[in-house]
C-alpha atoms as a PDB file:
ATOM      1  CA  MET A   1     184.658 -43.193 -40.687  1.00  0.00           C
ATOM      2  CA  ASP A   2     184.369 -39.621 -41.910  1.00  0.00           C
ATOM      3  CA  ALA A   3     186.453 -37.050 -40.061  1.00  0.00           C
ATOM      4  CA  VAL A   4     184.562 -34.257 -38.311  1.00  0.00           C
ATOM      5  CA  MET A   5     185.659 -30.930 -39.826  1.00  0.00           C
ATOM      6  CA  PRO A   6     185.813 -27.927 -37.471  1.00  0.00           C
ATOM      7  CA  ASN A   7     183.263 -25.214 -38.144  1.00  0.00           C
ATOM      8  CA  PRO A   8     185.202 -21.996 -38.896  1.00  0.00           C
ATOM      9  CA  ALA A   9     182.216 -19.898 -37.748  1.00  0.00           C
ATOM     10  CA  LEU A  10     182.405 -21.176 -34.136  1.00  0.00           C
ATOM     11  CA  PRO A  11     185.445 -19.110 -33.014  1.00  0.00           C
ATOM     12  CA  ARG A  12     183.883 -15.985 -34.460  1.00  0.00           C
ATOM     13  CA  LEU A  13     180.607 -16.773 -32.669  1.00  0.00           C
ATOM     14  CA  ARG A  14     182.429 -17.242 -29.355  1.00  0.00           C
ATOM     15  CA  VAL A  15     184.184 -13.874 -29.797  1.00  0.00           C
ATOM     16  CA  ALA A  16     180.874 -12.158 -30.550  1.00  0.00           C
ATOM     17  CA  VAL A  17     179.211 -13.716 -27.498  1.00  0.00           C
ATOM     18  CA  MET A  18     182.127 -12.694 -25.285  1.00  0.00           C
ATOM     19  CA  ALA A  19     182.012  -9.136 -26.656  1.00  0.00           C
ATOM     20  CA  MET A  20     178.289  -8.866 -25.992  1.00  0.00           C
ATOM     21  CA  GLY A  21     178.805 -10.137 -22.466  1.00  0.00           C
ATOM     22  CA  LEU A  22     181.553  -7.581 -21.848  1.00  0.00           C
ATOM     23  CA  LEU A  23     179.364  -4.756 -23.127  1.00  0.00           C
ATOM     24  CA  MET A  24     176.510  -5.880 -20.868  1.00  0.00           C
ATOM     25  CA  LEU A  25     178.896  -6.007 -17.916  1.00  0.00           C
ATOM     26  CA  LEU A  26     180.193  -2.521 -18.634  1.00  0.00           C
ATOM     27  CA  GLY A  27     176.639  -1.268 -18.983  1.00  0.00           C
ATOM     28  CA  CYS A  28     175.711  -2.720 -15.614  1.00  0.00           C
ATOM     29  CA  THR A  29     178.674  -1.080 -13.902  1.00  0.00           C
ATOM     30  CA  ALA A  30     178.321   2.367 -15.539  1.00  0.00           C
ATOM     31  CA  PRO A  31     177.984   5.160 -12.958  1.00  0.00           C
ATOM     32  CA  PRO A  32     174.466   6.491 -12.436  1.00  0.00           C
ATOM     33  CA  PRO A  33     173.658  10.002 -13.701  1.00  0.00           C
ATOM     34  CA  ASP A  34     174.301  12.882 -11.341  1.00  0.00           C
ATOM     35  CA  PRO A  35     171.252  13.652  -9.173  1.00  0.00           C
ATOM     36  CA  ALA A  36     169.489  16.968  -9.585  1.00  0.00           C
ATOM     37  CA  PRO A  37     170.835  19.662  -7.221  1.00  0.00           C
ATOM     38  CA  LYS A  38     168.958  20.046  -3.956  1.00  0.00           C
ATOM     39  CA  VAL A  39     166.732  23.118  -3.934  1.00  0.00           C
ATOM     40  CA  LEU A  40     167.659  25.271  -0.945  1.00  0.00           C
ATOM     41  CA  THR A  41     165.078  26.234   1.625  1.00  0.00           C
ATOM     42  CA  ALA A  42     164.382  29.943   2.161  1.00  0.00           C
ATOM     43  CA  ASP A  43     166.584  29.934   5.271  1.00  0.00           C
ATOM     44  CA  GLU A  44     169.418  28.113   3.495  1.00  0.00           C
ATOM     45  CA  ALA A  45     169.283  30.511   0.538  1.00  0.00           C
ATOM     46  CA  ALA A  46     169.278  33.519   2.894  1.00  0.00           C
ATOM     47  CA  ALA A  47     172.391  32.176   4.637  1.00  0.00           C
ATOM     48  CA  ARG A  48     174.327  31.777   1.385  1.00  0.00           C
ATOM     49  CA  THR A  49     177.202  34.274   1.004  1.00  0.00           C
ATOM     50  CA  VAL A  50     178.762  33.103  -2.273  1.00  0.00           C
ATOM     51  CA  VAL A  51     177.602  34.263  -5.720  1.00  0.00           C
ATOM     52  CA  PRO A  52     175.146  33.391  -7.114  1.00  0.00           C
ATOM     53  CA  LEU A  53     172.919  34.391  -4.238  1.00  0.00           C
ATOM     54  CA  THR A  54     169.423  35.645  -3.464  1.00  0.00           C
ATOM     55  CA  ARG A  55     167.865  37.491  -0.521  1.00  0.00           C
ATOM     56  CA  PRO A  56     164.237  38.416   0.230  1.00  0.00           C
ATOM     57  CA  ILE A  57     163.785  42.190   0.076  1.00  0.00           C
ATOM     58  CA  ALA A  58     160.917  44.661   0.477  1.00  0.00           C
ATOM     59  CA  LEU A  59     160.433  47.437  -2.067  1.00  0.00           C
ATOM     60  CA  ASP A  60     157.610  49.467  -0.528  1.00  0.00           C
ATOM     61  CA  LYS A  61     159.587  51.692   1.868  1.00  0.00           C
ATOM     62  CA  ALA A  62     162.251  54.279   1.062  1.00  0.00           C
ATOM     63  CA  GLY A  63     165.716  53.777   2.528  1.00  0.00           C
ATOM     64  CA  GLN A  64     168.333  51.064   2.542  1.00  0.00           C
ATOM     65  CA  VAL A  65     166.864  47.692   1.573  1.00  0.00           C
ATOM     66  CA  VAL A  66     170.120  45.800   0.965  1.00  0.00           C
ATOM     67  CA  ASP A  67     173.380  45.759   2.951  1.00  0.00           C
ATOM     68  CA  VAL A  68     175.095  42.454   2.273  1.00  0.00           C
ATOM     69  CA  GLU A  69     178.634  41.139   2.008  1.00  0.00           C
ATOM     70  CA  PHE A  70     179.446  38.280  -0.329  1.00  0.00           C
ATOM     71  CA  GLU A  71     182.261  36.302  -1.894  1.00  0.00           C
ATOM     72  CA  LEU A  72     182.637  36.325  -5.670  1.00  0.00           C
ATOM     73  CA  PRO A  73     184.288  33.172  -7.053  1.00  0.00           C
ATOM     74  CA  PRO A  74     186.005  33.083 -10.456  1.00  0.00           C
ATOM     75  CA  ALA A  75     183.705  32.951 -13.474  1.00  0.00           C
ATOM     76  CA  GLY A  76     183.421  29.404 -14.785  1.00  0.00           C
ATOM     77  CA  ALA A  77     183.227  28.007 -18.307  1.00  0.00           C
ATOM     78  CA  ASP A  78     180.689  29.732 -20.591  1.00  0.00           C
ATOM     79  CA  ILE A  79     180.290  32.458 -17.954  1.00  0.00           C
ATOM     80  CA  ALA A  80     181.134  36.090 -18.698  1.00  0.00           C
ATOM     81  CA  PRO A  81     183.107  37.983 -16.003  1.00  0.00           C
ATOM     82  CA  GLN A  82     180.255  40.496 -15.699  1.00  0.00           C
ATOM     83  CA  LEU A  83     178.257  40.631 -12.495  1.00  0.00           C
ATOM     84  CA  LEU A  84     174.533  41.376 -12.599  1.00  0.00           C
ATOM     85  CA  ILE A  85     172.862  43.063  -9.629  1.00  0.00           C
ATOM     86  CA  GLY A  86     169.092  42.916  -9.807  1.00  0.00           C
ATOM     87  CA  VAL A  87     165.880  41.498  -8.423  1.00  0.00           C
ATOM     88  CA  ARG A  88     163.870  38.351  -9.037  1.00  0.00           C
ATOM     89  CA  VAL A  89     160.193  37.469  -8.646  1.00  0.00           C
ATOM     90  CA  ALA A  90     158.804  33.947  -8.374  1.00  0.00           C
ATOM     91  CA  GLY A  91     155.451  32.199  -8.446  1.00  0.00           C
ATOM     92  CA  ASP A  92     153.193  30.497 -10.921  1.00  0.00           C
ATOM     93  CA  GLU A  93     153.446  31.792 -14.489  1.00  0.00           C
ATOM     94  CA  GLU A  94     150.639  34.333 -14.137  1.00  0.00           C
ATOM     95  CA  ALA A  95     151.851  35.679 -10.777  1.00  0.00           C
ATOM     96  CA  ALA A  96     155.472  35.987 -11.951  1.00  0.00           C
ATOM     97  CA  ASP A  97     154.481  37.794 -15.156  1.00  0.00           C
ATOM     98  CA  LYS A  98     152.193  40.171 -13.246  1.00  0.00           C
ATOM     99  CA  ALA A  99     154.857  40.985 -10.661  1.00  0.00           C
ATOM    100  CA  LEU A 100     157.491  41.552 -13.321  1.00  0.00           C
ATOM    101  CA  TRP A 101     155.143  43.849 -15.248  1.00  0.00           C
ATOM    102  CA  LEU A 102     154.338  45.768 -12.069  1.00  0.00           C
ATOM    103  CA  LEU A 103     157.994  46.299 -11.179  1.00  0.00           C
ATOM    104  CA  ASN A 104     158.939  47.371 -14.688  1.00  0.00           C
ATOM    105  CA  GLY A 105     155.776  49.367 -15.275  1.00  0.00           C
ATOM    106  CA  TYR A 106     156.430  51.506 -12.206  1.00  0.00           C
ATOM    107  CA  ASP A 107     160.045  52.158 -13.209  1.00  0.00           C
ATOM    108  CA  LEU A 108     161.798  50.582 -10.251  1.00  0.00           C
ATOM    109  CA  MET A 109     164.439  53.097  -9.120  1.00  0.00           C
ATOM    110  CA  ALA A 110     167.315  52.447  -6.768  1.00  0.00           C
ATOM    111  CA  LYS A 111     170.697  53.729  -5.658  1.00  0.00           C
ATOM    112  CA  VAL A 112     173.249  50.943  -6.038  1.00  0.00           C
ATOM    113  CA  ARG A 113     176.742  50.995  -4.553  1.00  0.00           C
ATOM    114  CA  LEU A 114     179.254  48.146  -4.613  1.00  0.00           C
ATOM    115  CA  TYR A 115     182.494  48.104  -2.626  1.00  0.00           C
ATOM    116  CA  ARG A 116     185.518  45.821  -2.695  1.00  0.00           C
ATOM    117  CA  THR A 117     186.204  44.990   0.956  1.00  0.00           C
ATOM    118  CA  ASP A 118     189.463  43.061   0.608  1.00  0.00           C
ATOM    119  CA  GLY A 119     191.452  46.016  -0.736  1.00  0.00           C
ATOM    120  CA  ALA A 120     192.650  49.417   0.413  1.00  0.00           C
ATOM    121  CA  ASP A 121     190.266  51.450  -1.777  1.00  0.00           C
ATOM    122  CA  ALA A 122     187.032  52.207   0.089  1.00  0.00           C
ATOM    123  CA  ALA A 123     185.407  54.107  -2.817  1.00  0.00           C
ATOM    124  CA  PRO A 124     182.411  52.582  -4.613  1.00  0.00           C
ATOM    125  CA  LEU A 125     183.268  50.589  -7.736  1.00  0.00           C
ATOM    126  CA  SER A 126     182.328  51.853 -11.184  1.00  0.00           C
ATOM    127  CA  LEU A 127     179.042  50.229 -12.178  1.00  0.00           C
ATOM    128  CA  THR A 128     177.029  50.503 -15.370  1.00  0.00           C
ATOM    129  CA  ARG A 129     173.334  50.343 -16.224  1.00  0.00           C
ATOM    130  CA  TYR A 130     171.323  49.949 -19.391  1.00  0.00           C
ATOM    131  CA  ASP A 131     169.990  53.246 -20.727  1.00  0.00           C
ATOM    132  CA  ALA A 132     166.646  52.830 -22.506  1.00  0.00           C
ATOM    133  CA  VAL A 133     167.105  56.027 -24.540  1.00  0.00           C
ATOM    134  CA  SER A 134     170.555  55.375 -25.992  1.00  0.00           C
ATOM    135  CA  ARG A 135     170.031  51.598 -25.845  1.00  0.00           C
ATOM    136  CA  LYS A 136     173.469  50.951 -24.442  1.00  0.00           C
ATOM    137  CA  ARG A 137     175.181  50.605 -21.103  1.00  0.00           C
ATOM    138  CA  VAL A 138     176.242  53.816 -19.413  1.00  0.00           C
ATOM    139  CA  PRO A 139     178.079  54.515 -16.124  1.00  0.00           C
ATOM    140  CA  LEU A 140     176.031  55.152 -13.000  1.00  0.00           C
ATOM    141  CA  ASP A 141     176.137  58.742 -11.775  1.00  0.00           C
ATOM    142  CA  ALA A 142     177.923  59.822  -8.594  1.00  0.00           C
ATOM    143  CA  ASN A 143     174.891  58.861  -6.491  1.00  0.00           C
ATOM    144  CA  GLY A 144     174.673  55.371  -7.995  1.00  0.00           C
ATOM    145  CA  LEU A 145     171.151  56.092  -9.253  1.00  0.00           C
ATOM    146  CA  VAL A 146     169.448  53.542 -11.494  1.00  0.00           C
ATOM    147  CA  PRO A 147     166.304  55.224 -12.905  1.00  0.00           C
ATOM    148  CA  GLN A 148     164.788  52.067 -14.367  1.00  0.00           C
ATOM    149  CA  ALA A 149     165.408  48.329 -14.253  1.00  0.00           C
ATOM    150  CA  ILE A 150     165.519  46.181 -17.392  1.00  0.00           C
ATOM    151  CA  ALA A 151     164.324  42.644 -18.022  1.00  0.00           C
ATOM    152  CA  ILE A 152     167.469  40.511 -18.022  1.00  0.00           C
ATOM    153  CA  SER A 153     168.646  37.321 -16.334  1.00  0.00           C
ATOM    154  CA  PRO A 154     172.046  36.044 -15.197  1.00  0.00           C
ATOM    155  CA  ALA A 155     173.402  32.677 -16.302  1.00  0.00           C
ATOM    156  CA  SER A 156     170.942  29.985 -15.237  1.00  0.00           C
ATOM    157  CA  GLY A 157     173.441  27.128 -14.804  1.00  0.00           C
ATOM    158  CA  PRO A 158     175.140  28.454 -11.651  1.00  0.00           C
ATOM    159  CA  LEU A 159     171.746  29.297 -10.096  1.00  0.00           C
ATOM    160  CA  GLN A 160     170.522  25.747 -10.668  1.00  0.00           C
ATOM    161  CA  ALA A 161     173.763  24.199  -9.412  1.00  0.00           C
ATOM    162  CA  ALA A 162     173.526  26.313  -6.247  1.00  0.00           C
ATOM    163  CA  GLY A 163     169.975  25.107  -5.558  1.00  0.00           C
ATOM    164  CA  LEU A 164     168.429  28.530  -6.146  1.00  0.00           C
ATOM    165  CA  VAL A 165     165.949  27.426  -8.818  1.00  0.00           C
ATOM    166  CA  SER A 166     162.849  25.381  -8.028  1.00  0.00           C
ATOM    167  CA  PRO A 167     161.245  23.407 -10.894  1.00  0.00           C
ATOM    168  CA  ALA A 168     157.861  24.161  -9.297  1.00  0.00           C
ATOM    169  CA  LEU A 169     158.187  27.937  -9.803  1.00  0.00           C
ATOM    170  CA  ASN A 170     158.398  30.426 -12.644  1.00  0.00           C
ATOM    171  CA  TYR A 171     160.923  33.251 -12.353  1.00  0.00           C
ATOM    172  CA  GLY A 172     161.291  36.725 -13.785  1.00  0.00           C
ATOM    173  CA  SER A 173     164.400  38.872 -13.373  1.00  0.00           C
ATOM    174  CA  LEU A 174     165.180  42.571 -13.646  1.00  0.00           C
ATOM    175  CA  GLY A 175     168.671  44.027 -13.819  1.00  0.00           C
ATOM    176  CA  LEU A 176     169.636  47.186 -11.951  1.00  0.00           C
ATOM    177  CA  ALA A 177     173.391  47.462 -12.432  1.00  0.00           C
ATOM    178  CA  PHE A 178     176.397  45.610 -13.822  1.00  0.00           C
ATOM    179  CA  LEU A 179     180.000  45.261 -12.692  1.00  0.00           C
ATOM    180  CA  PRO A 180     182.045  44.865 -15.898  1.00  0.00           C
ATOM    181  CA  GLU A 181     185.191  42.743 -15.717  1.00  0.00           C
ATOM    182  CA  ALA A 182     184.292  41.483 -12.262  1.00  0.00           C
ATOM    183  CA  LYS A 183     187.220  40.012 -10.347  1.00  0.00           C
ATOM    184  CA  PRO A 184     186.996  37.343  -7.640  1.00  0.00           C
ATOM    185  CA  GLY A 185     187.062  38.667  -4.096  1.00  0.00           C
ATOM    186  CA  HIS A 186     185.014  39.911  -1.178  1.00  0.00           C
ATOM    187  CA  TYR A 187     182.401  42.614  -1.776  1.00  0.00           C
ATOM    188  CA  ARG A 188     179.773  44.675   0.017  1.00  0.00           C
ATOM    189  CA  LEU A 189     176.569  45.756  -1.733  1.00  0.00           C
ATOM    190  CA  SER A 190     174.251  48.562  -0.657  1.00  0.00           C
ATOM    191  CA  ILE A 191     170.914  49.351  -2.309  1.00  0.00           C
ATOM    192  CA  GLU A 192     168.659  52.240  -1.322  1.00  0.00           C
ATOM    193  CA  LEU A 193     165.204  53.159  -2.571  1.00  0.00           C
ATOM    194  CA  PRO A 194     164.719  56.918  -3.055  1.00  0.00           C
ATOM    195  CA  GLU A 195     160.964  56.906  -2.385  1.00  0.00           C
ATOM    196  CA  ASP A 196     158.119  54.927  -0.857  1.00  0.00           C
ATOM    197  CA  ARG A 197     156.365  52.538  -3.252  1.00  0.00           C
ATOM    198  CA  PRO A 198     153.250  51.282  -1.406  1.00  0.00           C
ATOM    199  CA  GLU A 199     151.980  49.593  -4.568  1.00  0.00           C
ATOM    200  CA  LEU A 200     154.900  47.170  -4.301  1.00  0.00           C
ATOM    201  CA  LYS A 201     154.017  45.966  -0.803  1.00  0.00           C
ATOM    202  CA  ASN A 202     153.766  42.221  -0.092  1.00  0.00           C
ATOM    203  CA  MET A 203     155.474  41.243  -3.348  1.00  0.00           C
ATOM    204  CA  ASN A 204     157.556  38.081  -3.415  1.00  0.00           C
ATOM    205  CA  VAL A 205     160.801  39.796  -4.469  1.00  0.00           C
ATOM    206  CA  GLU A 206     164.417  38.740  -3.979  1.00  0.00           C
ATOM    207  CA  LEU A 207     167.750  40.417  -4.463  1.00  0.00           C
ATOM    208  CA  LEU A 208     169.600  38.542  -7.220  1.00  0.00           C
ATOM    209  CA  ILE A 209     173.372  38.577  -7.788  1.00  0.00           C
ATOM    210  CA  GLY A 210     174.932  36.409 -10.458  1.00  0.00           C
ATOM    211  CA  TYR A 211     177.370  36.206 -13.338  1.00  0.00           C
ATOM    212  CA  MET A 212     176.106  36.808 -16.869  1.00  0.00           C
ATOM    213  CA  GLY A 213     176.307  34.044 -19.463  1.00  0.00           C
ATOM    214  CA  ARG A 214     178.516  34.407 -22.537  1.00  0.00           C
ATOM    215  CA  SER A 215     176.840  35.366 -25.805  1.00  0.00           C
ATOM    216  CA  LYS A 216     176.751  32.460 -28.232  1.00  0.00           C
END
């Protein structure tokens, strides 16, 4: 009677089948992807006191339109330690573009003052703005006057992670002032408008404070 010779391919086949089974098992137990951040309601966003943050503001009447205290955390990865103070408009694409054009076309002016409230110095911090003539950043004058806003946005990642960006809306941002080399801590921001701007009434505008992204 002929002897039955073992098939040398069988052990290799068993190993391959076991490996495939292990891979399938690992695939089944892999953690699910992180869910998208919850978009904050208007009330939740208004109650937020940690940067990045937004606040509804009105731009049609002269006087103080912002007086808010906030906590500035350390800048994270790919985030520049430069703080942007500005405004944001939201809506469908056409409405956001129109509002942004209106704000920029009418040379939005403001007096911006930022204070560090967890230190002994009560003087306003040194802020900068973008000068359209020299095309560079210059210090704000003694009154904190910003004669014109510029189209610029802070880093988008922290805004999305904080729930301050809705996928159903388009956004446009304007920068008023910058705090270079921003350090973590507690701050107070004051913004005043030097004149009435009735043409800016009923606009969907928010204060926007956020870190800038690093240049690639």
